[in-house]
Amino acid sequence: MPTSLDDLRASRSAVVSRVDIAAVLGVDPRTVTAAIDAGTIPSIRLGSRVVIPREKFLALFDVEGDVRSARADADAVIGGGHS
């Protein structure tokens, strides 16, 4: 079970549970459920189970990652134009 954002970043799992996210954030799982219901934490329903896409959740906290992603997108566009 991940207990920090770094643990979550190192994970290879595509989705994580409400309990995992609660442990990372240091809150009760009911708080995570309320945030999912409010739409502030992204989620996917798999049958009766609700899971959180790991990458989308991390994007909420990863400003540096967003900058890297934007740079990679810009480089791809610029690089694509110099064929």
Protein backbone atom coordinates (compact mmCIF):
# COMPACT_ATOMS: atom_id res chain seq x y z
CA MET A 1 0.00 0.00 0.00
CA PRO A 2 1.44 3.38 -0.97
CA THR A 3 1.83 5.80 1.92
CA SER A 4 3.21 8.84 0.08
CA LEU A 5 2.99 10.56 -3.29
CA ASP A 6 6.48 9.24 -4.04
CA ASP A 7 5.28 5.67 -3.39
CA LEU A 8 2.33 6.29 -5.66
CA ARG A 9 4.59 7.70 -8.39
CA ALA A 10 6.80 4.60 -8.16
CA SER A 11 3.82 2.25 -8.46
CA ARG A 12 3.15 0.52 -11.77
CA SER A 13 -0.56 0.04 -11.08
CA ALA A 14 -2.99 1.78 -13.42
CA VAL A 15 -5.54 2.36 -10.66
CA VAL A 16 -5.53 2.64 -6.88
CA SER A 17 -8.21 2.21 -4.24
CA ARG A 18 -9.92 4.82 -2.09
CA VAL A 19 -8.10 3.32 0.91
CA ASP A 20 -4.72 3.77 -0.83
CA ILE A 21 -5.48 7.39 -1.68
CA ALA A 22 -6.67 8.02 1.87
CA ALA A 23 -3.37 6.65 3.21
CA VAL A 24 -1.37 8.86 0.86
CA LEU A 25 -3.36 11.96 1.81
CA GLY A 26 -3.55 11.10 5.50
CA VAL A 27 -7.34 11.28 5.59
CA ASP A 28 -10.22 8.93 6.27
CA PRO A 29 -11.41 6.90 3.23
CA ARG A 30 -14.83 8.54 3.64
CA THR A 31 -13.17 11.88 2.88
CA VAL A 32 -11.86 10.41 -0.38
CA THR A 33 -15.35 9.08 -1.18
CA ALA A 34 -16.80 12.55 -0.61
CA ALA A 35 -14.15 14.09 -2.91
CA ILE A 36 -14.95 11.49 -5.59
CA ASP A 37 -18.67 12.27 -5.26
CA ALA A 38 -17.88 16.00 -5.53
CA GLY A 39 -15.77 15.39 -8.65
CA THR A 40 -12.50 16.68 -7.18
CA ILE A 41 -10.80 13.27 -7.34
CA PRO A 42 -11.11 11.45 -10.68
CA SER A 43 -12.58 7.97 -10.53
CA ILE A 44 -13.73 5.04 -12.63
CA ARG A 45 -16.50 2.63 -11.73
CA LEU A 46 -15.59 -1.01 -12.42
CA GLY A 47 -18.76 -2.92 -11.69
CA SER A 48 -19.56 -2.15 -8.08
CA ARG A 49 -16.01 -1.02 -7.34
CA VAL A 50 -14.78 2.58 -7.61
CA VAL A 51 -11.08 3.06 -8.36
CA ILE A 52 -8.89 6.09 -8.96
CA PRO A 53 -6.70 6.31 -12.09
CA ARG A 54 -3.20 6.68 -10.63
CA GLU A 55 -1.82 9.03 -13.31
CA LYS A 56 -4.85 11.35 -13.26
CA PHE A 57 -4.69 11.53 -9.47
CA LEU A 58 -0.96 12.29 -9.53
CA ALA A 59 -1.54 15.01 -12.11
CA LEU A 60 -3.50 16.90 -9.44
CA PHE A 61 -0.24 17.29 -7.49
CA ASP A 62 2.46 17.10 -10.14
CA VAL A 63 2.98 20.64 -11.42
CA GLU A 64 6.54 19.76 -12.53
CA GLY A 65 5.19 16.77 -14.44
CA ASP A 66 2.72 19.03 -16.24
CA VAL A 67 5.58 21.33 -17.24
CA ARG A 68 7.61 18.35 -18.53
CA SER A 69 4.59 17.07 -20.45
CA ALA A 70 3.93 20.49 -22.01
CA ARG A 71 7.59 20.75 -23.03
CA ALA A 72 7.50 17.28 -24.58
CA ASP A 73 4.33 18.21 -26.50
CA ALA A 74 5.92 21.45 -27.70
CA ASP A 75 9.11 19.63 -28.72
CA ALA A 76 7.05 17.10 -30.68
CA VAL A 77 5.22 19.87 -32.54
CA ILE A 78 8.39 21.85 -33.21
CA GLY A 79 10.37 18.72 -34.09
CA GLY A 80 7.57 17.52 -36.36
CA GLY A 81 7.74 20.75 -38.34
CA HIS A 82 11.45 20.37 -39.16
CA SER A 83 11.27 17.13 -41.19
